[in-house]
Protein backbone atom coordinates (compact mmCIF):
# COMPACT_ATOMS: atom_id res chain seq x y z
CA LYS A 1 0.38 -12.08 10.01
CA ASN A 2 -1.05 -15.09 8.30
CA GLY A 3 -3.56 -17.55 9.67
CA SER A 4 -5.27 -17.65 13.05
CA ALA A 5 -2.99 -15.03 14.68
CA SER A 6 -4.39 -12.35 12.38
CA ARG A 7 -8.01 -13.50 12.68
CA PRO A 8 -8.99 -11.36 15.72
CA LEU A 9 -7.70 -8.17 14.06
CA GLN A 10 -9.33 -9.15 10.78
CA ASP A 11 -12.65 -9.70 12.59
CA ILE A 12 -12.33 -6.34 14.39
CA LEU A 13 -11.69 -4.50 11.11
CA ASN A 14 -14.63 -6.23 9.42
CA ASP A 15 -16.90 -5.35 12.36
CA LEU A 16 -15.80 -1.71 12.29
CA LEU A 17 -16.22 -1.34 8.52
CA PRO A 18 -19.19 0.92 7.72
CA PRO A 19 -21.94 -0.99 5.85
CA GLU A 20 -21.78 1.41 2.90
CA LYS A 21 -18.08 0.59 2.38
CA ARG A 22 -18.36 -3.22 2.46
CA ASP A 23 -18.63 -3.51 -1.34
CA GLU A 24 -15.54 -1.31 -1.78
CA VAL A 25 -13.23 -2.69 0.91
CA GLU A 26 -11.88 -6.18 1.46
CA VAL A 27 -10.27 -7.21 4.74
CA SER A 28 -8.02 -10.25 4.35
CA SER A 29 -4.92 -11.83 5.84
CA SER A 30 -1.64 -12.19 4.00
CA GLY A 31 1.66 -13.96 4.16
CA CYS A 32 4.87 -12.53 5.56
CA ILE A 33 5.50 -8.82 5.06
CA SER A 34 8.78 -8.86 7.07
CA GLN A 35 7.38 -6.64 9.84
CA CYS A 36 6.44 -9.23 12.52
CA GLY A 37 8.37 -7.47 15.29
CA LYS A 38 6.31 -4.32 14.70
CA GLY A 39 2.91 -6.01 14.54
CA PRO A 40 0.06 -6.48 14.45
CA ASN A 41 0.37 -4.97 10.99
CA VAL A 42 -2.28 -3.63 8.63
CA GLU A 43 -1.71 -2.70 5.01
CA ILE A 44 -4.29 -0.55 3.27
CA VAL A 45 -4.28 -0.81 -0.50
CA SER A 46 -6.47 1.62 -2.39
CA LYS A 47 -7.26 1.14 -6.04
CA THR A 48 -8.35 3.76 -8.51
CA ILE A 49 -9.28 3.16 -12.11
CA GLN A 50 -8.28 5.72 -14.71
CA GLN A 51 -9.32 5.96 -18.31
CA GLU A 52 -6.32 6.11 -20.60
CA LYS A 53 -6.27 6.98 -24.30
CA THR A 54 -4.17 4.74 -26.54
CA LEU A 55 -3.65 4.46 -30.27
CA PHE A 56 -6.32 1.76 -30.31
CA GLY A 57 -8.93 3.54 -28.19
CA ASN A 58 -9.57 3.93 -24.50
CA ARG A 59 -8.58 1.44 -21.83
CA GLU A 60 -8.81 1.26 -18.07
CA LYS A 61 -5.68 1.41 -15.97
CA THR A 62 -5.74 0.35 -12.29
CA ILE A 63 -3.43 2.22 -9.94
CA GLU A 64 -2.71 0.79 -6.50
CA ASN A 65 -1.45 2.80 -3.55
CA ALA A 66 -0.40 0.90 -0.43
CA ARG A 67 0.26 2.10 3.12
CA LEU A 68 1.55 -0.09 5.94
CA PHE A 69 0.59 0.57 9.56
CA ASN A 70 2.33 -1.18 12.46
CA GLY A 71 1.29 -1.87 16.05
CA ILE A 72 -2.47 -1.98 15.52
CA ASP A 73 -3.18 -3.70 18.83
CA SER A 74 -6.52 -2.32 20.02
CA THR A 75 -10.04 -1.76 18.76
CA ASP A 76 -9.54 2.00 19.16
CA MET A 77 -6.43 1.97 16.95
CA ALA A 78 -8.19 -0.20 14.35
CA SER A 79 -11.15 2.20 14.32
CA LYS A 80 -8.89 5.23 13.84
CA LEU A 81 -7.02 3.41 11.09
CA LEU A 82 -10.23 2.71 9.19
CA GLU A 83 -11.35 6.33 9.58
CA ALA A 84 -8.03 7.57 8.18
CA GLY A 85 -7.84 4.97 5.43
CA LEU A 86 -11.36 5.34 4.13
């Protein structure tokens, strides 16, 4: 959800985030993801950077993997989600 409706969940996830992961993980709200009836929703996007050889030398390639979780409606569920996602 976007805006103030997502703020409590966003705050919970930020509070539960281990200090050593705060530079690696960003918790933010988004616009519509067409899953409102199944919410609150959390999408975890992980990024990895790979080195790739090309004809002109090496370059970095960013690969994103996304997973959507529905019905995250308690601190316990948010905590378990972070443990699984990190």
